[in-house]
Amino acid sequence: MTEAFEMPQLNMITNCFRNAAAQPKEHASPNNLKNKRINKWKHRIESKLR
């Protein structure tokens, strides 16, 4: 991807996902359906940023 794709909003979104993923495990188990959905989008967004 070109650098033009790396918008500040997108970086903010990925930072939010990283912060959510860094939370203690008792708050969020990986088996949680919502977390699966978040992780799926996180990977999609991060792969676009590469």
PDB file of N, CA and C in Angstrom:
ATOM      1  N   MET A   1       0.830  -1.204   0.000  1.00  0.00           N
ATOM      2  CA  MET A   1       0.000   0.000   0.000  1.00  0.00           C
ATOM      3  C   MET A   1       0.869   1.261   0.000  1.00  0.00           C
ATOM      4  N   THR A   2       0.321   2.312  -0.564  1.00  0.00           N
ATOM      5  CA  THR A   2       1.060   3.576  -0.589  1.00  0.00           C
ATOM      6  C   THR A   2       0.925   4.282   0.756  1.00  0.00           C
ATOM      7  N   GLU A   3       1.812   5.207   1.019  1.00  0.00           N
ATOM      8  CA  GLU A   3       1.765   5.946   2.279  1.00  0.00           C
ATOM      9  C   GLU A   3       0.543   6.859   2.348  1.00  0.00           C
ATOM     10  N   ALA A   4      -0.015   7.193   1.190  1.00  0.00           N
ATOM     11  CA  ALA A   4      -1.195   8.053   1.159  1.00  0.00           C
ATOM     12  C   ALA A   4      -2.374   7.384   1.867  1.00  0.00           C
ATOM     13  N   PHE A   5      -2.326   6.046   1.967  1.00  0.00           N
ATOM     14  CA  PHE A   5      -3.424   5.319   2.605  1.00  0.00           C
ATOM     15  C   PHE A   5      -3.375   5.447   4.126  1.00  0.00           C
ATOM     16  N   GLU A   6      -2.212   5.764   4.675  1.00  0.00           N
ATOM     17  CA  GLU A   6      -2.063   5.837   6.130  1.00  0.00           C
ATOM     18  C   GLU A   6      -2.589   7.162   6.665  1.00  0.00           C
ATOM     19  N   MET A   7      -3.885   7.203   6.893  1.00  0.00           N
ATOM     20  CA  MET A   7      -4.521   8.411   7.400  1.00  0.00           C
ATOM     21  C   MET A   7      -4.476   8.415   8.923  1.00  0.00           C
ATOM     22  N   PRO A   8      -4.460   9.594   9.526  1.00  0.00           N
ATOM     23  CA  PRO A   8      -4.437   9.681  10.999  1.00  0.00           C
ATOM     24  C   PRO A   8      -5.601   8.945  11.655  1.00  0.00           C
ATOM     25  N   GLN A   9      -6.791   9.006  11.028  1.00  0.00           N
ATOM     26  CA  GLN A   9      -7.946   8.318  11.607  1.00  0.00           C
ATOM     27  C   GLN A   9      -7.683   6.819  11.678  1.00  0.00           C
ATOM     28  N   LEU A  10      -7.079   6.280  10.632  1.00  0.00           N
ATOM     29  CA  LEU A  10      -6.827   4.849  10.580  1.00  0.00           C
ATOM     30  C   LEU A  10      -5.816   4.451  11.645  1.00  0.00           C
ATOM     31  N   ASN A  11      -4.802   5.288  11.841  1.00  0.00           N
ATOM     32  CA  ASN A  11      -3.826   5.015  12.893  1.00  0.00           C
ATOM     33  C   ASN A  11      -4.484   5.047  14.267  1.00  0.00           C
ATOM     34  N   MET A  12      -5.418   5.972  14.451  1.00  0.00           N
ATOM     35  CA  MET A  12      -6.148   6.039  15.716  1.00  0.00           C
ATOM     36  C   MET A  12      -6.943   4.763  15.946  1.00  0.00           C
ATOM     37  N   ILE A  13      -7.569   4.260  14.876  1.00  0.00           N
ATOM     38  CA  ILE A  13      -8.359   3.031  14.979  1.00  0.00           C
ATOM     39  C   ILE A  13      -7.471   1.856  15.372  1.00  0.00           C
ATOM     40  N   THR A  14      -6.327   1.718  14.705  1.00  0.00           N
ATOM     41  CA  THR A  14      -5.456   0.585  15.022  1.00  0.00           C
ATOM     42  C   THR A  14      -4.908   0.715  16.438  1.00  0.00           C
ATOM     43  N   ASN A  15      -4.652   1.944  16.880  1.00  0.00           N
ATOM     44  CA  ASN A  15      -4.205   2.142  18.259  1.00  0.00           C
ATOM     45  C   ASN A  15      -5.285   1.727  19.247  1.00  0.00           C
ATOM     46  N   CYS A  16      -6.530   2.024  18.937  1.00  0.00           N
ATOM     47  CA  CYS A  16      -7.644   1.600  19.791  1.00  0.00           C
ATOM     48  C   CYS A  16      -7.703   0.085  19.879  1.00  0.00           C
ATOM     49  N   PHE A  17      -7.532  -0.583  18.730  1.00  0.00           N
ATOM     50  CA  PHE A  17      -7.551  -2.042  18.723  1.00  0.00           C
ATOM     51  C   PHE A  17      -6.394  -2.598  19.538  1.00  0.00           C
ATOM     52  N   ARG A  18      -5.214  -1.982  19.395  1.00  0.00           N
ATOM     53  CA  ARG A  18      -4.046  -2.461  20.147  1.00  0.00           C
ATOM     54  C   ARG A  18      -4.266  -2.295  21.644  1.00  0.00           C
ATOM     55  N   ASN A  19      -4.851  -1.163  22.035  1.00  0.00           N
ATOM     56  CA  ASN A  19      -5.122  -0.929  23.455  1.00  0.00           C
ATOM     57  C   ASN A  19      -6.135  -1.932  23.990  1.00  0.00           C
ATOM     58  N   ALA A  20      -7.150  -2.228  23.193  1.00  0.00           N
ATOM     59  CA  ALA A  20      -8.165  -3.193  23.610  1.00  0.00           C
ATOM     60  C   ALA A  20      -7.551  -4.581  23.748  1.00  0.00           C
ATOM     61  N   ALA A  21      -6.637  -4.920  22.841  1.00  0.00           N
ATOM     62  CA  ALA A  21      -6.005  -6.236  22.879  1.00  0.00           C
ATOM     63  C   ALA A  21      -5.051  -6.351  24.058  1.00  0.00           C
ATOM     64  N   ALA A  22      -4.554  -5.205  24.542  1.00  0.00           N
ATOM     65  CA  ALA A  22      -3.577  -5.214  25.629  1.00  0.00           C
ATOM     66  C   ALA A  22      -4.231  -5.285  27.009  1.00  0.00           C
ATOM     67  N   GLN A  23      -5.559  -5.233  27.047  1.00  0.00           N
ATOM     68  CA  GLN A  23      -6.253  -5.280  28.331  1.00  0.00           C
ATOM     69  C   GLN A  23      -6.084  -6.651  28.990  1.00  0.00           C
ATOM     70  N   PRO A  24      -6.172  -6.706  30.316  1.00  0.00           N
ATOM     71  CA  PRO A  24      -6.037  -7.979  31.040  1.00  0.00           C
ATOM     72  C   PRO A  24      -7.019  -9.025  30.532  1.00  0.00           C
ATOM     73  N   LYS A  25      -6.579 -10.271  30.558  1.00  0.00           N
ATOM     74  CA  LYS A  25      -7.347 -11.352  29.942  1.00  0.00           C
ATOM     75  C   LYS A  25      -8.694 -11.606  30.619  1.00  0.00           C
ATOM     76  N   GLU A  26      -8.819 -11.288  31.914  1.00  0.00           N
ATOM     77  CA  GLU A  26     -10.093 -11.572  32.576  1.00  0.00           C
ATOM     78  C   GLU A  26     -11.217 -10.693  32.033  1.00  0.00           C
ATOM     79  N   HIS A  27     -10.852  -9.550  31.429  1.00  0.00           N
ATOM     80  CA  HIS A  27     -11.869  -8.679  30.837  1.00  0.00           C
ATOM     81  C   HIS A  27     -12.381  -9.250  29.524  1.00  0.00           C
ATOM     82  N   ALA A  28     -11.527  -9.971  28.821  1.00  0.00           N
ATOM     83  CA  ALA A  28     -11.890 -10.412  27.477  1.00  0.00           C
ATOM     84  C   ALA A  28     -11.204 -11.725  27.141  1.00  0.00           C
ATOM     85  N   SER A  29     -11.997 -12.775  27.004  1.00  0.00           N
ATOM     86  CA  SER A  29     -11.405 -14.045  26.582  1.00  0.00           C
ATOM     87  C   SER A  29     -11.388 -14.096  25.061  1.00  0.00           C
ATOM     88  N   PRO A  30     -10.378 -14.746  24.468  1.00  0.00           N
ATOM     89  CA  PRO A  30     -10.261 -14.800  23.002  1.00  0.00           C
ATOM     90  C   PRO A  30     -11.433 -15.535  22.354  1.00  0.00           C
ATOM     91  N   ASN A  31     -12.159 -16.334  23.149  1.00  0.00           N
ATOM     92  CA  ASN A  31     -13.288 -17.088  22.605  1.00  0.00           C
ATOM     93  C   ASN A  31     -14.541 -16.235  22.459  1.00  0.00           C
ATOM     94  N   ASN A  32     -14.494 -15.051  23.034  1.00  0.00           N
ATOM     95  CA  ASN A  32     -15.623 -14.135  22.961  1.00  0.00           C
ATOM     96  C   ASN A  32     -15.893 -13.754  21.501  1.00  0.00           C
ATOM     97  N   LEU A  33     -17.153 -13.859  21.076  1.00  0.00           N
ATOM     98  CA  LEU A  33     -17.508 -13.600  19.674  1.00  0.00           C
ATOM     99  C   LEU A  33     -17.154 -12.174  19.264  1.00  0.00           C
ATOM    100  N   LYS A  34     -17.392 -11.214  20.161  1.00  0.00           N
ATOM    101  CA  LYS A  34     -17.090  -9.815  19.859  1.00  0.00           C
ATOM    102  C   LYS A  34     -15.593  -9.632  19.624  1.00  0.00           C
ATOM    103  N   ASN A  35     -14.770 -10.295  20.448  1.00  0.00           N
ATOM    104  CA  ASN A  35     -13.327 -10.171  20.292  1.00  0.00           C
ATOM    105  C   ASN A  35     -12.860 -10.784  18.984  1.00  0.00           C
ATOM    106  N   LYS A  36     -13.487 -11.892  18.584  1.00  0.00           N
ATOM    107  CA  LYS A  36     -13.136 -12.498  17.293  1.00  0.00           C
ATOM    108  C   LYS A  36     -13.394 -11.511  16.165  1.00  0.00           C
ATOM    109  N   ARG A  37     -14.540 -10.823  16.261  1.00  0.00           N
ATOM    110  CA  ARG A  37     -14.893  -9.855  15.230  1.00  0.00           C
ATOM    111  C   ARG A  37     -13.896  -8.695  15.228  1.00  0.00           C
ATOM    112  N   ILE A  38     -13.553  -8.197  16.412  1.00  0.00           N
ATOM    113  CA  ILE A  38     -12.595  -7.092  16.523  1.00  0.00           C
ATOM    114  C   ILE A  38     -11.244  -7.503  15.966  1.00  0.00           C
ATOM    115  N   ASN A  39     -10.795  -8.697  16.333  1.00  0.00           N
ATOM    116  CA  ASN A  39      -9.493  -9.162  15.854  1.00  0.00           C
ATOM    117  C   ASN A  39      -9.476  -9.317  14.342  1.00  0.00           C
ATOM    118  N   LYS A  40     -10.603  -9.795  13.787  1.00  0.00           N
ATOM    119  CA  LYS A  40     -10.684  -9.949  12.335  1.00  0.00           C
ATOM    120  C   LYS A  40     -10.507  -8.592  11.653  1.00  0.00           C
ATOM    121  N   TRP A  41     -11.207  -7.572  12.162  1.00  0.00           N
ATOM    122  CA  TRP A  41     -11.082  -6.232  11.575  1.00  0.00           C
ATOM    123  C   TRP A  41      -9.712  -5.641  11.823  1.00  0.00           C
ATOM    124  N   LYS A  42      -9.157  -5.908  12.995  1.00  0.00           N
ATOM    125  CA  LYS A  42      -7.813  -5.407  13.305  1.00  0.00           C
ATOM    126  C   LYS A  42      -6.805  -5.945  12.297  1.00  0.00           C
ATOM    127  N   HIS A  43      -6.901  -7.241  12.005  1.00  0.00           N
ATOM    128  CA  HIS A  43      -5.961  -7.830  11.043  1.00  0.00           C
ATOM    129  C   HIS A  43      -6.177  -7.264   9.643  1.00  0.00           C
ATOM    130  N   ARG A  44      -7.439  -7.055   9.273  1.00  0.00           N
ATOM    131  CA  ARG A  44      -7.723  -6.468   7.956  1.00  0.00           C
ATOM    132  C   ARG A  44      -7.115  -5.079   7.838  1.00  0.00           C
ATOM    133  N   ILE A  45      -7.319  -4.255   8.863  1.00  0.00           N
ATOM    134  CA  ILE A  45      -6.819  -2.874   8.836  1.00  0.00           C
ATOM    135  C   ILE A  45      -5.301  -2.860   8.828  1.00  0.00           C
ATOM    136  N   GLU A  46      -4.686  -3.680   9.691  1.00  0.00           N
ATOM    137  CA  GLU A  46      -3.227  -3.687   9.770  1.00  0.00           C
ATOM    138  C   GLU A  46      -2.603  -4.213   8.485  1.00  0.00           C
ATOM    139  N   SER A  47      -3.265  -5.167   7.829  1.00  0.00           N
ATOM    140  CA  SER A  47      -2.708  -5.676   6.570  1.00  0.00           C
ATOM    141  C   SER A  47      -2.787  -4.607   5.479  1.00  0.00           C
ATOM    142  N   LYS A  48      -3.794  -3.735   5.558  1.00  0.00           N
ATOM    143  CA  LYS A  48      -3.883  -2.628   4.595  1.00  0.00           C
ATOM    144  C   LYS A  48      -2.790  -1.597   4.845  1.00  0.00           C
ATOM    145  N   LEU A  49      -2.370  -1.466   6.115  1.00  0.00           N
ATOM    146  CA  LEU A  49      -1.353  -0.472   6.454  1.00  0.00           C
ATOM    147  C   LEU A  49       0.047  -0.916   6.049  1.00  0.00           C
ATOM    148  N   ARG A  50       0.242  -2.216   5.841  1.00  0.00           N
ATOM    149  CA  ARG A  50       1.587  -2.707   5.513  1.00  0.00           C
ATOM    150  C   ARG A  50       2.008  -2.306   4.125  1.00  0.00           C
TER     151      ARG A  50
END
